[in-house]
Amino acid sequence: MSVNSMMKVFKGVVLVGQLGFYLVTPPVLLAILAHWLQSRFGWGTWIMVVAIVVGLLSSASGAYNFYRKLTASEAKKKKPPEETPVVFFRHE
C-alpha cells in the first residue's frame, strides 16, 4: 500500500470522525445540561425535550456546514486553473 493511498484512507477516517463529533456532541452535552438543571432547580421534563430538540437542530446545522465545506473544497480541487487574460495594451 503506497503512502498516497494510506493518506486517502486516513483522511477518510478523520472526516468520518469529524462528522460523528458534529452529530453526537451537541445533543449529548445539552442532555447532560438539562439533567443538571432538572436535578439542581427541580425543573420538569420539558427542559430535557427542549435540550434534545435544540441539540438535534444544532448537530444538523453542524453536519450541513461540514458538508458544504467539504463539497466546496472538492470543487476547488477539480476546478481548472484560470488562464491569464490576453492584454494588448501593456504599460511598462
C-alpha atoms as a PDB file:
ATOM      1  CA  MET A   1       0.000   0.000   0.000  1.00  0.00           C
ATOM      2  CA  SER A   2       1.513   3.306  -1.044  1.00  0.00           C
ATOM      3  CA  VAL A   3       1.798   6.355   1.149  1.00  0.00           C
ATOM      4  CA  ASN A   4      -0.659   8.279  -1.047  1.00  0.00           C
ATOM      5  CA  SER A   5      -3.379   5.645  -0.686  1.00  0.00           C
ATOM      6  CA  MET A   6      -2.749   5.432   3.067  1.00  0.00           C
ATOM      7  CA  MET A   7      -3.173   9.200   3.334  1.00  0.00           C
ATOM      8  CA  LYS A   8      -6.506   8.978   1.480  1.00  0.00           C
ATOM      9  CA  VAL A   9      -7.696   6.295   3.904  1.00  0.00           C
ATOM     10  CA  PHE A  10      -6.515   8.346   6.883  1.00  0.00           C
ATOM     11  CA  LYS A  11      -8.260  11.451   5.523  1.00  0.00           C
ATOM     12  CA  GLY A  12     -11.498   9.481   5.136  1.00  0.00           C
ATOM     13  CA  VAL A  13     -11.275   8.189   8.712  1.00  0.00           C
ATOM     14  CA  VAL A  14     -10.682  11.704  10.018  1.00  0.00           C
ATOM     15  CA  LEU A  15     -13.650  13.075   8.047  1.00  0.00           C
ATOM     16  CA  VAL A  16     -15.952  10.355   9.408  1.00  0.00           C
ATOM     17  CA  GLY A  17     -14.702  11.118  12.918  1.00  0.00           C
ATOM     18  CA  GLN A  18     -15.401  14.819  12.488  1.00  0.00           C
ATOM     19  CA  LEU A  19     -18.882  14.145  11.175  1.00  0.00           C
ATOM     20  CA  GLY A  20     -19.586  11.840  14.105  1.00  0.00           C
ATOM     21  CA  PHE A  21     -18.368  14.504  16.504  1.00  0.00           C
ATOM     22  CA  TYR A  22     -20.677  17.091  14.898  1.00  0.00           C
ATOM     23  CA  LEU A  23     -23.658  14.744  15.129  1.00  0.00           C
ATOM     24  CA  VAL A  24     -23.218  13.322  18.638  1.00  0.00           C
ATOM     25  CA  THR A  25     -21.698  16.065  20.782  1.00  0.00           C
ATOM     26  CA  PRO A  26     -24.428  18.777  20.852  1.00  0.00           C
ATOM     27  CA  PRO A  27     -27.365  16.528  21.880  1.00  0.00           C
ATOM     28  CA  VAL A  28     -25.283  14.720  24.499  1.00  0.00           C
ATOM     29  CA  LEU A  29     -23.926  17.915  26.057  1.00  0.00           C
ATOM     30  CA  LEU A  30     -27.342  19.568  26.098  1.00  0.00           C
ATOM     31  CA  ALA A  31     -28.936  16.443  27.616  1.00  0.00           C
ATOM     32  CA  ILE A  32     -26.309  16.500  30.380  1.00  0.00           C
ATOM     33  CA  LEU A  33     -27.008  20.197  30.935  1.00  0.00           C
ATOM     34  CA  ALA A  34     -30.762  19.535  31.044  1.00  0.00           C
ATOM     35  CA  HIS A  35     -30.282  16.726  33.554  1.00  0.00           C
ATOM     36  CA  TRP A  36     -28.216  19.038  35.741  1.00  0.00           C
ATOM     37  CA  LEU A  37     -30.884  21.758  35.514  1.00  0.00           C
ATOM     38  CA  GLN A  38     -33.563  19.219  36.466  1.00  0.00           C
ATOM     39  CA  SER A  39     -31.667  17.972  39.491  1.00  0.00           C
ATOM     40  CA  ARG A  40     -30.408  21.390  40.611  1.00  0.00           C
ATOM     41  CA  PHE A  41     -33.523  23.535  40.166  1.00  0.00           C
ATOM     42  CA  GLY A  42     -36.279  20.929  40.021  1.00  0.00           C
ATOM     43  CA  TRP A  43     -37.361  21.822  36.504  1.00  0.00           C
ATOM     44  CA  GLY A  44     -39.715  19.429  34.759  1.00  0.00           C
ATOM     45  CA  THR A  45     -39.056  17.013  31.943  1.00  0.00           C
ATOM     46  CA  TRP A  46     -39.865  19.733  29.415  1.00  0.00           C
ATOM     47  CA  ILE A  47     -36.294  21.043  29.723  1.00  0.00           C
ATOM     48  CA  MET A  48     -34.947  17.671  28.557  1.00  0.00           C
ATOM     49  CA  VAL A  49     -37.215  17.721  25.499  1.00  0.00           C
ATOM     50  CA  VAL A  50     -36.143  21.270  24.645  1.00  0.00           C
ATOM     51  CA  ALA A  51     -32.469  20.403  25.128  1.00  0.00           C
ATOM     52  CA  ILE A  52     -32.658  17.339  22.893  1.00  0.00           C
ATOM     53  CA  VAL A  53     -34.529  19.216  20.138  1.00  0.00           C
ATOM     54  CA  VAL A  54     -32.041  22.105  20.247  1.00  0.00           C
ATOM     55  CA  GLY A  55     -29.155  19.615  20.278  1.00  0.00           C
ATOM     56  CA  LEU A  56     -30.511  17.779  17.241  1.00  0.00           C
ATOM     57  CA  LEU A  57     -31.030  21.039  15.363  1.00  0.00           C
ATOM     58  CA  SER A  58     -27.520  22.134  16.283  1.00  0.00           C
ATOM     59  CA  SER A  59     -25.992  18.856  15.131  1.00  0.00           C
ATOM     60  CA  ALA A  60     -27.944  19.013  11.856  1.00  0.00           C
ATOM     61  CA  SER A  61     -26.653  22.542  11.283  1.00  0.00           C
ATOM     62  CA  GLY A  62     -23.079  21.478  12.036  1.00  0.00           C
ATOM     63  CA  ALA A  63     -23.319  18.494   9.702  1.00  0.00           C
ATOM     64  CA  TYR A  64     -24.744  20.676   6.921  1.00  0.00           C
ATOM     65  CA  ASN A  65     -21.931  23.225   7.319  1.00  0.00           C
ATOM     66  CA  PHE A  66     -19.402  20.380   7.327  1.00  0.00           C
ATOM     67  CA  TYR A  67     -20.910  19.019   4.105  1.00  0.00           C
ATOM     68  CA  ARG A  68     -20.820  22.477   2.458  1.00  0.00           C
ATOM     69  CA  LYS A  69     -17.150  22.983   3.349  1.00  0.00           C
ATOM     70  CA  LEU A  70     -16.265  19.501   2.133  1.00  0.00           C
ATOM     71  CA  THR A  71     -18.007  19.917  -1.219  1.00  0.00           C
ATOM     72  CA  ALA A  72     -16.539  23.413  -1.682  1.00  0.00           C
ATOM     73  CA  SER A  73     -13.005  22.141  -1.107  1.00  0.00           C
ATOM     74  CA  GLU A  74     -13.555  19.227  -3.518  1.00  0.00           C
ATOM     75  CA  ALA A  75     -14.943  21.591  -6.172  1.00  0.00           C
ATOM     76  CA  LYS A  76     -11.930  23.868  -5.712  1.00  0.00           C
ATOM     77  CA  LYS A  77      -9.578  20.926  -6.279  1.00  0.00           C
ATOM     78  CA  LYS A  78     -11.345  19.936  -9.500  1.00  0.00           C
ATOM     79  CA  LYS A  79     -11.537  23.487 -10.877  1.00  0.00           C
ATOM     80  CA  PRO A  80      -9.005  24.053 -13.662  1.00  0.00           C
ATOM     81  CA  PRO A  81      -6.536  26.900 -13.130  1.00  0.00           C
ATOM     82  CA  GLU A  82      -7.580  30.176 -14.665  1.00  0.00           C
ATOM     83  CA  GLU A  83      -5.646  31.354 -17.671  1.00  0.00           C
ATOM     84  CA  THR A  84      -4.102  34.785 -17.664  1.00  0.00           C
ATOM     85  CA  PRO A  85      -6.100  37.204 -19.784  1.00  0.00           C
ATOM     86  CA  VAL A  86      -4.665  38.487 -23.042  1.00  0.00           C
ATOM     87  CA  VAL A  87      -3.692  42.130 -22.706  1.00  0.00           C
ATOM     88  CA  PHE A  88      -2.982  44.166 -25.827  1.00  0.00           C
ATOM     89  CA  PHE A  89      -2.027  47.465 -24.185  1.00  0.00           C
ATOM     90  CA  ARG A  90       0.638  46.741 -21.620  1.00  0.00           C
ATOM     91  CA  HIS A  91       2.234  49.759 -19.968  1.00  0.00           C
ATOM     92  CA  GLU A  92       5.624  49.106 -18.515  1.00  0.00           C
END
